Amino acid sequence: MFTDLFCWCLDKLMTLVVSAANGLDLSGLTGFAPSSGLPEEIINVMQLCGVGTAVGIIISAIVLRLILQLIPFTRLGS
């Protein structure tokens, strides 16, 4: 019974997290869009290599690290 109660609470918590994540407007972090007038061939190769996804992951990691630095007692390794 306690296991079911724990699983139900965890399910409701994850549903809340998913709905909060869906509510965020992250349209600016969808990928790397160079506006410096690069040739289409270079932009195509960059997209094939996954540069946009990598830049999005790096920016997300930096933002997450900065947010964690604001919480006391989570300054691990820095």
C-alpha atoms as a PDB file:
ATOM      1  CA  MET A   1       0.000   0.000   0.000  1.00  0.00           C
ATOM      2  CA  PHE A   2       2.838   2.391   0.826  1.00  0.00           C
ATOM      3  CA  THR A   3       4.525   1.553  -2.444  1.00  0.00           C
ATOM      4  CA  ASP A   4       1.371   2.436  -4.355  1.00  0.00           C
ATOM      5  CA  LEU A   5       1.047   5.685  -2.427  1.00  0.00           C
ATOM      6  CA  PHE A   6       4.660   6.583  -3.193  1.00  0.00           C
ATOM      7  CA  CYS A   7       4.219   5.754  -6.902  1.00  0.00           C
ATOM      8  CA  TRP A   8       1.021   7.811  -7.053  1.00  0.00           C
ATOM      9  CA  CYS A   9       2.734  10.826  -5.440  1.00  0.00           C
ATOM     10  CA  LEU A  10       5.703  10.469  -7.778  1.00  0.00           C
ATOM     11  CA  ASP A  11       3.385  10.240 -10.786  1.00  0.00           C
ATOM     12  CA  LYS A  12       1.527  13.395  -9.758  1.00  0.00           C
ATOM     13  CA  LEU A  13       4.823  15.213  -9.161  1.00  0.00           C
ATOM     14  CA  MET A  14       6.134  14.237 -12.589  1.00  0.00           C
ATOM     15  CA  THR A  15       2.844  15.297 -14.203  1.00  0.00           C
ATOM     16  CA  LEU A  16       3.239  18.683 -12.531  1.00  0.00           C
ATOM     17  CA  VAL A  17       6.850  18.963 -13.745  1.00  0.00           C
ATOM     18  CA  VAL A  18       5.871  18.072 -17.316  1.00  0.00           C
ATOM     19  CA  SER A  19       3.064  20.617 -17.355  1.00  0.00           C
ATOM     20  CA  ALA A  20       5.426  23.295 -15.975  1.00  0.00           C
ATOM     21  CA  ALA A  21       8.052  22.435 -18.596  1.00  0.00           C
ATOM     22  CA  ASN A  22       5.454  22.605 -21.366  1.00  0.00           C
ATOM     23  CA  GLY A  23       4.418  26.024 -20.143  1.00  0.00           C
ATOM     24  CA  LEU A  24       7.911  27.470 -20.580  1.00  0.00           C
ATOM     25  CA  ASP A  25       8.592  29.433 -23.742  1.00  0.00           C
ATOM     26  CA  LEU A  26      11.928  28.103 -24.936  1.00  0.00           C
ATOM     27  CA  SER A  27      11.529  29.108 -28.555  1.00  0.00           C
ATOM     28  CA  GLY A  28      14.757  31.108 -28.350  1.00  0.00           C
ATOM     29  CA  LEU A  29      16.767  27.992 -27.475  1.00  0.00           C
ATOM     30  CA  THR A  30      15.589  25.798 -30.330  1.00  0.00           C
ATOM     31  CA  GLY A  31      18.885  25.957 -32.137  1.00  0.00           C
ATOM     32  CA  PHE A  32      21.753  27.973 -33.468  1.00  0.00           C
ATOM     33  CA  ALA A  33      20.657  30.384 -36.162  1.00  0.00           C
ATOM     34  CA  PRO A  34      23.600  32.434 -37.383  1.00  0.00           C
ATOM     35  CA  SER A  35      22.513  35.778 -38.740  1.00  0.00           C
ATOM     36  CA  SER A  36      25.935  36.850 -39.954  1.00  0.00           C
ATOM     37  CA  GLY A  37      25.197  35.871 -43.541  1.00  0.00           C
ATOM     38  CA  LEU A  38      27.041  32.559 -43.686  1.00  0.00           C
ATOM     39  CA  PRO A  39      26.733  30.626 -46.937  1.00  0.00           C
ATOM     40  CA  GLU A  40      23.978  28.037 -47.091  1.00  0.00           C
ATOM     41  CA  GLU A  41      26.503  25.202 -47.516  1.00  0.00           C
ATOM     42  CA  ILE A  42      28.202  26.034 -44.226  1.00  0.00           C
ATOM     43  CA  ILE A  43      24.875  26.326 -42.400  1.00  0.00           C
ATOM     44  CA  ASN A  44      23.812  22.967 -43.848  1.00  0.00           C
ATOM     45  CA  VAL A  45      27.025  21.261 -42.672  1.00  0.00           C
ATOM     46  CA  MET A  46      26.655  22.856 -39.227  1.00  0.00           C
ATOM     47  CA  GLN A  47      23.092  21.521 -38.984  1.00  0.00           C
ATOM     48  CA  LEU A  48      24.188  18.060 -40.106  1.00  0.00           C
ATOM     49  CA  CYS A  49      26.917  18.040 -37.441  1.00  0.00           C
ATOM     50  CA  GLY A  50      24.422  19.030 -34.748  1.00  0.00           C
ATOM     51  CA  VAL A  51      25.904  22.399 -33.832  1.00  0.00           C
ATOM     52  CA  GLY A  52      22.473  23.850 -33.007  1.00  0.00           C
ATOM     53  CA  THR A  53      21.663  21.041 -30.595  1.00  0.00           C
ATOM     54  CA  ALA A  54      25.085  21.291 -28.976  1.00  0.00           C
ATOM     55  CA  VAL A  55      24.751  25.048 -28.469  1.00  0.00           C
ATOM     56  CA  GLY A  56      21.301  24.556 -26.923  1.00  0.00           C
ATOM     57  CA  ILE A  57      22.630  21.903 -24.528  1.00  0.00           C
ATOM     58  CA  ILE A  58      25.598  24.072 -23.518  1.00  0.00           C
ATOM     59  CA  ILE A  59      23.408  27.126 -22.899  1.00  0.00           C
ATOM     60  CA  SER A  60      20.973  25.030 -20.858  1.00  0.00           C
ATOM     61  CA  ALA A  61      23.820  23.607 -18.775  1.00  0.00           C
ATOM     62  CA  ILE A  62      25.251  27.055 -18.079  1.00  0.00           C
ATOM     63  CA  VAL A  63      21.846  28.431 -17.067  1.00  0.00           C
ATOM     64  CA  LEU A  64      21.191  25.415 -14.831  1.00  0.00           C
ATOM     65  CA  ARG A  65      24.579  25.815 -13.164  1.00  0.00           C
ATOM     66  CA  LEU A  66      23.935  29.506 -12.527  1.00  0.00           C
ATOM     67  CA  ILE A  67      20.533  28.718 -11.020  1.00  0.00           C
ATOM     68  CA  LEU A  68      22.040  26.046  -8.779  1.00  0.00           C
ATOM     69  CA  GLN A  69      24.681  28.512  -7.598  1.00  0.00           C
ATOM     70  CA  LEU A  70      21.895  30.691  -6.180  1.00  0.00           C
ATOM     71  CA  ILE A  71      20.657  27.883  -3.916  1.00  0.00           C
ATOM     72  CA  PRO A  72      22.631  27.654  -0.645  1.00  0.00           C
ATOM     73  CA  PHE A  73      24.568  24.458   0.093  1.00  0.00           C
ATOM     74  CA  THR A  74      24.652  23.310  -3.555  1.00  0.00           C
ATOM     75  CA  ARG A  75      27.982  24.856  -4.453  1.00  0.00           C
ATOM     76  CA  LEU A  76      29.647  21.557  -5.115  1.00  0.00           C
ATOM     77  CA  GLY A  77      32.987  21.770  -6.832  1.00  0.00           C
ATOM     78  CA  SER A  78      33.063  25.486  -7.401  1.00  0.00           C
END
